[in-house]
C-alpha atoms as a PDB file:
ATOM      1  CA  MET A   1      95.024  89.894 176.428  1.00  0.00           C
ATOM      2  CA  PRO A   2      94.150  91.953 179.741  1.00  0.00           C
ATOM      3  CA  GLU A   3      95.032  95.280 179.970  1.00  0.00           C
ATOM      4  CA  ASN A   4      97.793  94.879 182.959  1.00  0.00           C
ATOM      5  CA  VAL A   5      99.559  92.493 180.825  1.00  0.00           C
ATOM      6  CA  GLU A   6     102.903  91.875 182.965  1.00  0.00           C
ATOM      7  CA  SER A   7     106.138  92.792 182.092  1.00  0.00           C
ATOM      8  CA  LEU A   8     109.747  94.038 182.972  1.00  0.00           C
ATOM      9  CA  PRO A   9     109.644  96.337 186.410  1.00  0.00           C
ATOM     10  CA  SER A  10     110.846 100.080 185.625  1.00  0.00           C
ATOM     11  CA  LEU A  11     114.213 100.497 187.577  1.00  0.00           C
ATOM     12  CA  VAL A  12     113.926 103.669 187.762  1.00  0.00           C
ATOM     13  CA  PRO A  13     110.675 105.446 190.084  1.00  0.00           C
ATOM     14  CA  ASP A  14     108.061 107.387 188.909  1.00  0.00           C
ATOM     15  CA  ALA A  15     107.620 110.815 189.923  1.00  0.00           C
ATOM     16  CA  ALA A  16     105.256 111.347 192.188  1.00  0.00           C
ATOM     17  CA  ARG A  17     101.975 113.216 191.424  1.00  0.00           C
ATOM     18  CA  PRO A  18     100.888 116.888 192.900  1.00  0.00           C
ATOM     19  CA  GLY A  19      99.280 116.225 195.787  1.00  0.00           C
ATOM     20  CA  GLU A  20     101.064 112.948 196.659  1.00  0.00           C
ATOM     21  CA  PRO A  21     103.978 112.123 198.926  1.00  0.00           C
ATOM     22  CA  PRO A  22     106.591 112.407 197.413  1.00  0.00           C
ATOM     23  CA  VAL A  23     108.936 109.058 195.810  1.00  0.00           C
ATOM     24  CA  GLY A  24     111.061 107.758 198.092  1.00  0.00           C
ATOM     25  CA  ALA A  25     109.489 110.125 201.251  1.00  0.00           C
ATOM     26  CA  ALA A  26     110.434 109.639 204.701  1.00  0.00           C
ATOM     27  CA  ASP A  27     111.986 105.903 205.736  1.00  0.00           C
ATOM     28  CA  GLN A  28     110.496 104.684 202.488  1.00  0.00           C
ATOM     29  CA  PRO A  29     112.754 102.936 199.716  1.00  0.00           C
ATOM     30  CA  ALA A  30     112.343 105.044 196.355  1.00  0.00           C
ATOM     31  CA  PHE A  31     112.636 101.820 194.282  1.00  0.00           C
ATOM     32  CA  ARG A  32     110.457  98.945 193.999  1.00  0.00           C
ATOM     33  CA  THR A  33     112.340  95.646 195.476  1.00  0.00           C
ATOM     34  CA  THR A  34     109.979  93.477 193.827  1.00  0.00           C
ATOM     35  CA  PRO A  35     108.725  92.364 189.884  1.00  0.00           C
ATOM     36  CA  VAL A  36     105.496  94.638 189.350  1.00  0.00           C
ATOM     37  CA  SER A  37     103.595  92.503 187.678  1.00  0.00           C
ATOM     38  CA  PHE A  38     102.337  94.583 184.523  1.00  0.00           C
ATOM     39  CA  VAL A  39     103.366  96.886 182.711  1.00  0.00           C
ATOM     40  CA  ARG A  40     101.982 100.302 181.652  1.00  0.00           C
ATOM     41  CA  ARG A  41     101.297 101.020 177.731  1.00  0.00           C
ATOM     42  CA  SER A  42     101.638 104.322 176.287  1.00  0.00           C
ATOM     43  CA  GLY A  43      98.381 104.974 174.930  1.00  0.00           C
ATOM     44  CA  ARG A  44      95.591 107.423 173.677  1.00  0.00           C
ATOM     45  CA  MET A  45      92.375 107.450 175.684  1.00  0.00           C
ATOM     46  CA  ASN A  46      89.686 108.412 172.565  1.00  0.00           C
ATOM     47  CA  VAL A  47      87.119 111.214 172.479  1.00  0.00           C
ATOM     48  CA  ARG A  48      83.955 109.996 174.818  1.00  0.00           C
ATOM     49  CA  GLN A  49      86.890 107.864 177.412  1.00  0.00           C
ATOM     50  CA  GLN A  50      88.922 111.433 177.649  1.00  0.00           C
ATOM     51  CA  GLU A  51      85.121 112.964 178.406  1.00  0.00           C
ATOM     52  CA  ALA A  52      84.227 110.511 181.051  1.00  0.00           C
ATOM     53  CA  TRP A  53      87.650 110.662 182.804  1.00  0.00           C
ATOM     54  CA  ASP A  54      87.609 114.755 182.520  1.00  0.00           C
ATOM     55  CA  THR A  55      84.324 115.138 183.884  1.00  0.00           C
ATOM     56  CA  ARG A  56      83.177 111.883 185.981  1.00  0.00           C
ATOM     57  CA  ARG A  57      86.160 110.423 187.272  1.00  0.00           C
ATOM     58  CA  ASP A  58      86.483 111.830 190.934  1.00  0.00           C
ATOM     59  CA  GLU A  59      83.387 109.876 191.354  1.00  0.00           C
ATOM     60  CA  PHE A  60      84.321 106.881 190.496  1.00  0.00           C
ATOM     61  CA  VAL A  61      88.687 106.888 191.107  1.00  0.00           C
ATOM     62  CA  VAL A  62      90.115 106.434 194.298  1.00  0.00           C
ATOM     63  CA  GLU A  63      93.320 108.831 194.770  1.00  0.00           C
ATOM     64  CA  VAL A  64      96.091 106.125 196.188  1.00  0.00           C
ATOM     65  CA  PRO A  65      98.615 108.086 198.212  1.00  0.00           C
ATOM     66  CA  ARG A  66     102.207 106.447 196.113  1.00  0.00           C
ATOM     67  CA  LEU A  67     105.601 105.461 196.987  1.00  0.00           C
ATOM     68  CA  ALA A  68     108.173 103.778 194.666  1.00  0.00           C
ATOM     69  CA  ALA A  69     106.185 104.529 191.462  1.00  0.00           C
ATOM     70  CA  ARG A  70     102.963 105.905 190.032  1.00  0.00           C
ATOM     71  CA  THR A  71     101.455 102.996 191.353  1.00  0.00           C
ATOM     72  CA  SER A  72     102.426 102.006 193.923  1.00  0.00           C
ATOM     73  CA  VAL A  73     100.770 101.824 197.255  1.00  0.00           C
ATOM     74  CA  ASP A  74     101.966 104.078 200.237  1.00  0.00           C
ATOM     75  CA  PRO A  75     102.111 101.320 202.800  1.00  0.00           C
ATOM     76  CA  ARG A  76     100.810 103.929 205.205  1.00  0.00           C
ATOM     77  CA  TRP A  77      97.474 104.159 203.669  1.00  0.00           C
ATOM     78  CA  SER A  78      93.889 102.138 204.139  1.00  0.00           C
ATOM     79  CA  PHE A  79      90.732 101.834 201.650  1.00  0.00           C
ATOM     80  CA  ASP A  80      87.485 101.909 203.507  1.00  0.00           C
ATOM     81  CA  PRO A  81      84.784 100.770 201.356  1.00  0.00           C
ATOM     82  CA  GLU A  82      82.009 102.160 203.471  1.00  0.00           C
ATOM     83  CA  ALA A  83      83.186 105.638 203.133  1.00  0.00           C
ATOM     84  CA  SER A  84      83.763 105.482 199.508  1.00  0.00           C
ATOM     85  CA  PHE A  85      80.530 103.570 198.408  1.00  0.00           C
ATOM     86  CA  GLY A  86      78.069 105.652 201.135  1.00  0.00           C
ATOM     87  CA  ARG A  87      77.084 101.897 202.733  1.00  0.00           C
ATOM     88  CA  ARG A  88      78.734  98.490 203.750  1.00  0.00           C
ATOM     89  CA  ALA A  89      78.082  95.981 201.501  1.00  0.00           C
ATOM     90  CA  PRO A  90      79.557  92.760 200.279  1.00  0.00           C
ATOM     91  CA  LEU A  91      83.013  93.837 198.229  1.00  0.00           C
ATOM     92  CA  VAL A  92      83.633  92.144 194.609  1.00  0.00           C
ATOM     93  CA  VAL A  93      88.238  93.117 194.063  1.00  0.00           C
ATOM     94  CA  GLU A  94      88.623  92.749 190.287  1.00  0.00           C
ATOM     95  CA  VAL A  95      92.581  92.518 189.701  1.00  0.00           C
ATOM     96  CA  GLY A  96      93.640  93.989 185.985  1.00  0.00           C
ATOM     97  CA  SER A  97      89.768  94.829 184.860  1.00  0.00           C
ATOM     98  CA  GLY A  98      90.793  95.940 181.439  1.00  0.00           C
ATOM     99  CA  GLN A  99      88.033  97.646 179.879  1.00  0.00           C
ATOM    100  CA  GLY A 100      85.642  97.000 182.386  1.00  0.00           C
ATOM    101  CA  GLU A 101      83.599  94.712 180.639  1.00  0.00           C
ATOM    102  CA  ALA A 102      82.892  92.055 183.190  1.00  0.00           C
ATOM    103  CA  VAL A 103      83.020  94.461 186.459  1.00  0.00           C
ATOM    104  CA  VAL A 104      80.651  97.236 185.036  1.00  0.00           C
ATOM    105  CA  ALA A 105      78.493  93.861 183.679  1.00  0.00           C
ATOM    106  CA  ALA A 106      78.546  92.378 186.947  1.00  0.00           C
ATOM    107  CA  ALA A 107      77.534  95.648 188.905  1.00  0.00           C
ATOM    108  CA  ALA A 108      75.228  96.189 186.646  1.00  0.00           C
ATOM    109  CA  ALA A 109      73.695  92.521 187.617  1.00  0.00           C
ATOM    110  CA  THR A 110      74.367  92.451 191.629  1.00  0.00           C
ATOM    111  CA  PRO A 111      73.560  96.114 192.564  1.00  0.00           C
ATOM    112  CA  GLU A 112      73.585  95.490 196.127  1.00  0.00           C
ATOM    113  CA  ARG A 113      77.169  94.310 196.105  1.00  0.00           C
ATOM    114  CA  ASP A 114      79.904  96.981 195.882  1.00  0.00           C
ATOM    115  CA  PHE A 115      83.042  96.791 193.520  1.00  0.00           C
ATOM    116  CA  LEU A 116      86.636  97.361 193.160  1.00  0.00           C
ATOM    117  CA  ALA A 117      88.454  96.983 190.112  1.00  0.00           C
ATOM    118  CA  LEU A 118      92.045  97.751 190.171  1.00  0.00           C
ATOM    119  CA  GLU A 119      93.533  98.487 186.782  1.00  0.00           C
ATOM    120  CA  VAL A 120      96.837 100.263 185.583  1.00  0.00           C
ATOM    121  CA  TYR A 121      96.209 101.345 182.298  1.00  0.00           C
ATOM    122  CA  THR A 122      94.736 104.655 181.915  1.00  0.00           C
ATOM    123  CA  PRO A 123      92.657 104.456 178.567  1.00  0.00           C
ATOM    124  CA  GLY A 124      91.322 100.863 180.729  1.00  0.00           C
ATOM    125  CA  LEU A 125      90.361 102.741 183.519  1.00  0.00           C
ATOM    126  CA  GLY A 126      88.576 105.991 180.850  1.00  0.00           C
ATOM    127  CA  GLN A 127      86.756 102.889 179.598  1.00  0.00           C
ATOM    128  CA  THR A 128      85.403 101.581 182.965  1.00  0.00           C
ATOM    129  CA  VAL A 129      84.499 104.689 183.311  1.00  0.00           C
ATOM    130  CA  TYR A 130      81.936 105.453 180.400  1.00  0.00           C
ATOM    131  CA  ARG A 131      80.896 102.030 180.552  1.00  0.00           C
ATOM    132  CA  SER A 132      79.906 102.437 184.349  1.00  0.00           C
ATOM    133  CA  ILE A 133      78.029 105.814 183.620  1.00  0.00           C
ATOM    134  CA  ARG A 134      76.224 104.667 180.887  1.00  0.00           C
ATOM    135  CA  ALA A 135      74.829 102.000 183.297  1.00  0.00           C
ATOM    136  CA  GLY A 136      73.988 104.166 185.499  1.00  0.00           C
ATOM    137  CA  LEU A 137      76.161 102.448 188.285  1.00  0.00           C
ATOM    138  CA  THR A 138      76.966 103.881 191.985  1.00  0.00           C
ATOM    139  CA  ASN A 139      78.636 100.761 193.314  1.00  0.00           C
ATOM    140  CA  VAL A 140      82.112 100.670 190.832  1.00  0.00           C
ATOM    141  CA  ARG A 141      84.955 102.677 192.359  1.00  0.00           C
ATOM    142  CA  LEU A 142      88.573 101.790 190.504  1.00  0.00           C
ATOM    143  CA  MET A 143      92.391 101.887 191.464  1.00  0.00           C
ATOM    144  CA  GLN A 144      94.844 102.658 189.326  1.00  0.00           C
ATOM    145  CA  ALA A 145      97.732 100.803 191.310  1.00  0.00           C
ATOM    146  CA  ASN A 146      99.763  97.543 191.471  1.00  0.00           C
ATOM    147  CA  ALA A 147      97.516  95.167 193.193  1.00  0.00           C
ATOM    148  CA  PRO A 148      99.729  93.164 195.627  1.00  0.00           C
ATOM    149  CA  GLU A 149     100.167  96.304 196.627  1.00  0.00           C
ATOM    150  CA  VAL A 150      96.489  97.256 197.037  1.00  0.00           C
ATOM    151  CA  LEU A 151      95.701  93.189 198.654  1.00  0.00           C
ATOM    152  CA  GLU A 152      98.822  94.000 201.362  1.00  0.00           C
ATOM    153  CA  HIS A 153      98.228  97.554 202.079  1.00  0.00           C
ATOM    154  CA  ALA A 154      95.066  99.045 201.032  1.00  0.00           C
ATOM    155  CA  LEU A 155      92.211  96.504 202.020  1.00  0.00           C
ATOM    156  CA  ALA A 156      91.429  94.935 205.586  1.00  0.00           C
ATOM    157  CA  PRO A 157      92.715  91.667 206.438  1.00  0.00           C
ATOM    158  CA  GLY A 158      89.367  89.355 205.734  1.00  0.00           C
ATOM    159  CA  SER A 159      87.221  92.199 204.012  1.00  0.00           C
ATOM    160  CA  VAL A 160      86.985  90.600 200.644  1.00  0.00           C
ATOM    161  CA  ASP A 161      83.581  88.959 199.412  1.00  0.00           C
ATOM    162  CA  GLU A 162      85.243  87.588 196.457  1.00  0.00           C
ATOM    163  CA  LEU A 163      88.691  88.282 194.862  1.00  0.00           C
ATOM    164  CA  TRP A 164      88.944  87.911 190.642  1.00  0.00           C
ATOM    165  CA  VAL A 165      91.987  87.547 188.773  1.00  0.00           C
ATOM    166  CA  PHE A 166      90.631  86.594 184.987  1.00  0.00           C
ATOM    167  CA  PHE A 167      93.646  85.951 182.179  1.00  0.00           C
ATOM    168  CA  PRO A 168      96.859  87.436 183.973  1.00  0.00           C
ATOM    169  CA  ASP A 169      99.739  87.793 181.863  1.00  0.00           C
ATOM    170  CA  PRO A 170     100.926  84.049 181.196  1.00  0.00           C
ATOM    171  CA  TRP A 171     104.413  84.512 180.640  1.00  0.00           C
ATOM    172  CA  HIS A 172     104.898  81.652 178.477  1.00  0.00           C
ATOM    173  CA  LYS A 173     108.613  81.915 178.030  1.00  0.00           C
ATOM    174  CA  ALA A 174     110.015  79.690 180.532  1.00  0.00           C
ATOM    175  CA  ARG A 175     113.098  82.435 181.462  1.00  0.00           C
ATOM    176  CA  HIS A 176     109.871  84.801 182.090  1.00  0.00           C
ATOM    177  CA  THR A 177     107.512  82.156 184.229  1.00  0.00           C
ATOM    178  CA  LYS A 178     109.287  83.391 187.558  1.00  0.00           C
ATOM    179  CA  ARG A 179     107.332  87.022 187.022  1.00  0.00           C
ATOM    180  CA  ARG A 180     103.456  85.574 187.191  1.00  0.00           C
ATOM    181  CA  LEU A 181     101.243  87.192 189.097  1.00  0.00           C
ATOM    182  CA  VAL A 182      99.670  84.004 190.806  1.00  0.00           C
ATOM    183  CA  ALA A 183     102.436  82.666 192.120  1.00  0.00           C
ATOM    184  CA  PRO A 184     103.005  82.201 196.335  1.00  0.00           C
ATOM    185  CA  PRO A 185     102.923  85.105 197.438  1.00  0.00           C
ATOM    186  CA  PHE A 186     100.507  86.431 195.976  1.00  0.00           C
ATOM    187  CA  VAL A 187      98.534  83.342 197.399  1.00  0.00           C
ATOM    188  CA  GLU A 188      99.519  84.599 200.443  1.00  0.00           C
ATOM    189  CA  LEU A 189      98.072  87.914 199.895  1.00  0.00           C
ATOM    190  CA  ALA A 190      95.156  86.647 198.407  1.00  0.00           C
ATOM    191  CA  ALA A 191      94.592  84.467 201.801  1.00  0.00           C
ATOM    192  CA  ARG A 192      95.179  88.046 203.908  1.00  0.00           C
ATOM    193  CA  ALA A 193      92.253  90.055 201.720  1.00  0.00           C
ATOM    194  CA  LEU A 194      89.628  87.754 201.743  1.00  0.00           C
ATOM    195  CA  ARG A 195      87.199  86.588 204.347  1.00  0.00           C
ATOM    196  CA  PRO A 196      86.903  83.407 205.650  1.00  0.00           C
ATOM    197  CA  GLY A 197      84.131  81.303 203.151  1.00  0.00           C
ATOM    198  CA  GLY A 198      85.140  84.016 200.518  1.00  0.00           C
ATOM    199  CA  THR A 199      85.405  82.715 196.902  1.00  0.00           C
ATOM    200  CA  TRP A 200      88.506  83.318 194.847  1.00  0.00           C
ATOM    201  CA  ARG A 201      87.691  82.958 190.787  1.00  0.00           C
ATOM    202  CA  LEU A 202      90.134  82.554 188.181  1.00  0.00           C
ATOM    203  CA  ALA A 203      90.616  81.741 184.743  1.00  0.00           C
ATOM    204  CA  THR A 204      93.126  81.255 182.434  1.00  0.00           C
ATOM    205  CA  ASP A 205      93.529  80.513 177.880  1.00  0.00           C
ATOM    206  CA  TRP A 206      97.230  78.506 179.440  1.00  0.00           C
ATOM    207  CA  ALA A 207      96.905  75.203 179.825  1.00  0.00           C
ATOM    208  CA  GLU A 208      99.979  75.340 181.682  1.00  0.00           C
ATOM    209  CA  TYR A 209      99.458  78.183 183.524  1.00  0.00           C
ATOM    210  CA  ALA A 210      95.937  76.874 184.728  1.00  0.00           C
ATOM    211  CA  GLU A 211      98.601  73.875 186.197  1.00  0.00           C
ATOM    212  CA  GLN A 212     100.568  76.425 187.895  1.00  0.00           C
ATOM    213  CA  MET A 213      97.344  78.132 189.608  1.00  0.00           C
ATOM    214  CA  ILE A 214      96.463  74.918 191.053  1.00  0.00           C
ATOM    215  CA  GLU A 215      99.748  73.900 192.570  1.00  0.00           C
ATOM    216  CA  VAL A 216     100.026  76.713 194.342  1.00  0.00           C
ATOM    217  CA  VAL A 217      97.039  77.345 194.974  1.00  0.00           C
ATOM    218  CA  GLU A 218      96.283  74.153 196.512  1.00  0.00           C
ATOM    219  CA  ALA A 219      99.804  74.172 198.844  1.00  0.00           C
ATOM    220  CA  SER A 220      98.421  76.638 200.572  1.00  0.00           C
ATOM    221  CA  SER A 221      96.022  75.226 203.616  1.00  0.00           C
ATOM    222  CA  ALA A 222      94.051  79.054 203.403  1.00  0.00           C
ATOM    223  CA  PHE A 223      92.430  77.857 200.635  1.00  0.00           C
ATOM    224  CA  THR A 224      89.948  74.640 199.486  1.00  0.00           C
ATOM    225  CA  ASN A 225      89.064  74.429 195.303  1.00  0.00           C
ATOM    226  CA  ALA A 226      85.664  74.334 195.280  1.00  0.00           C
ATOM    227  CA  HIS A 227      85.345  71.365 192.800  1.00  0.00           C
ATOM    228  CA  GLY A 228      87.544  68.879 194.506  1.00  0.00           C
ATOM    229  CA  PRO A 229      91.638  68.767 194.612  1.00  0.00           C
ATOM    230  CA  GLY A 230      92.981  69.418 191.200  1.00  0.00           C
ATOM    231  CA  ALA A 231      89.508  69.944 189.420  1.00  0.00           C
ATOM    232  CA  HIS A 232      88.387  72.803 186.995  1.00  0.00           C
ATOM    233  CA  ALA A 233      85.278  74.798 187.938  1.00  0.00           C
ATOM    234  CA  PRO A 234      82.298  75.266 185.401  1.00  0.00           C
ATOM    235  CA  ARG A 235      82.446  78.377 183.637  1.00  0.00           C
ATOM    236  CA  PHE A 236      81.675  81.528 185.733  1.00  0.00           C
ATOM    237  CA  GLU A 237      78.659  82.912 184.345  1.00  0.00           C
ATOM    238  CA  GLY A 238      79.386  86.354 185.756  1.00  0.00           C
ATOM    239  CA  ARG A 239      82.504  86.422 183.990  1.00  0.00           C
ATOM    240  CA  VAL A 240      81.405  88.122 180.700  1.00  0.00           C
ATOM    241  CA  LEU A 241      82.654  86.873 177.418  1.00  0.00           C
ATOM    242  CA  THR A 242      85.115  89.626 176.217  1.00  0.00           C
ATOM    243  CA  GLY A 243      86.851  89.887 172.775  1.00  0.00           C
ATOM    244  CA  PHE A 244      90.346  88.900 174.111  1.00  0.00           C
ATOM    245  CA  GLU A 245      88.449  85.410 175.363  1.00  0.00           C
ATOM    246  CA  ASN A 246      87.251  85.445 171.903  1.00  0.00           C
ATOM    247  CA  LYS A 247      90.747  85.883 170.477  1.00  0.00           C
ATOM    248  CA  ALA A 248      91.939  82.883 172.403  1.00  0.00           C
ATOM    249  CA  ALA A 249      89.019  80.457 171.787  1.00  0.00           C
ATOM    250  CA  LYS A 250      90.033  81.477 167.765  1.00  0.00           C
ATOM    251  CA  ALA A 251      93.695  80.568 168.920  1.00  0.00           C
ATOM    252  CA  GLY A 252      92.834  76.867 169.855  1.00  0.00           C
ATOM    253  CA  ARG A 253      93.099  77.866 173.383  1.00  0.00           C
ATOM    254  CA  ASP A 254      90.686  76.608 175.735  1.00  0.00           C
ATOM    255  CA  VAL A 255      89.587  78.424 178.786  1.00  0.00           C
ATOM    256  CA  VAL A 256      89.891  76.877 182.202  1.00  0.00           C
ATOM    257  CA  ASP A 257      88.166  78.238 185.682  1.00  0.00           C
ATOM    258  CA  LEU A 258      89.248  77.659 188.952  1.00  0.00           C
ATOM    259  CA  THR A 259      87.292  78.984 192.138  1.00  0.00           C
ATOM    260  CA  TYR A 260      88.675  78.599 195.316  1.00  0.00           C
ATOM    261  CA  VAL A 261      87.053  79.426 198.729  1.00  0.00           C
ATOM    262  CA  ARG A 262      88.780  80.900 201.655  1.00  0.00           C
ATOM    263  CA  SER A 263      89.423  78.536 204.616  1.00  0.00           C
END
């Protein structure tokens, strides 16, 4: 499972970091009012991750103003890709970048594109910084933030060319399925962020979740299945084979790819 696995929300707001707006500042709520789709796992970086994080993070990590928690996004703040990357280029956003395998490989293969990786797990971010340094990349940026809040507040409408959601937590227990990321509210946010003609790529190794994805995305007039109503897509060649996907295969679970176009 990727490092942005979904979880029950915290009921206690995190303290703001130095230099960030105080938690619950001004007239904004001090608590999240909706569940988040991840758990911030505890874990330490290894030596190479920590060195990359300590020495080069400012080149890759976008500092996000907070509000209700350490992964929240102040709705008054917006991300300027052109200023961050120093150029205007097609923007690809990956939700839940994990250890950075997919985003780094894609950024190296398509230097004419810019990539924004959204992840909450700090060691995963450290590994992505390390991989980006080793690959000599300048077209990768990272945010440690709750993805729906980024799509809703930080990204300008129609500013994203491709959106990737690979292997979100399936919440396979019946009482937890309401916490799945790919649900009607998230579809609306994806539609907001993507430009007309932009692409939304999804992948899951849980058949029942794949059917839910098809149902909720195709219920929206904002998206068209690139391969016909209800159809699965061929495996996206731009998604590198990760250890997580290998584990799914060994467990006998088939991976379903889906591709939608912003209408």
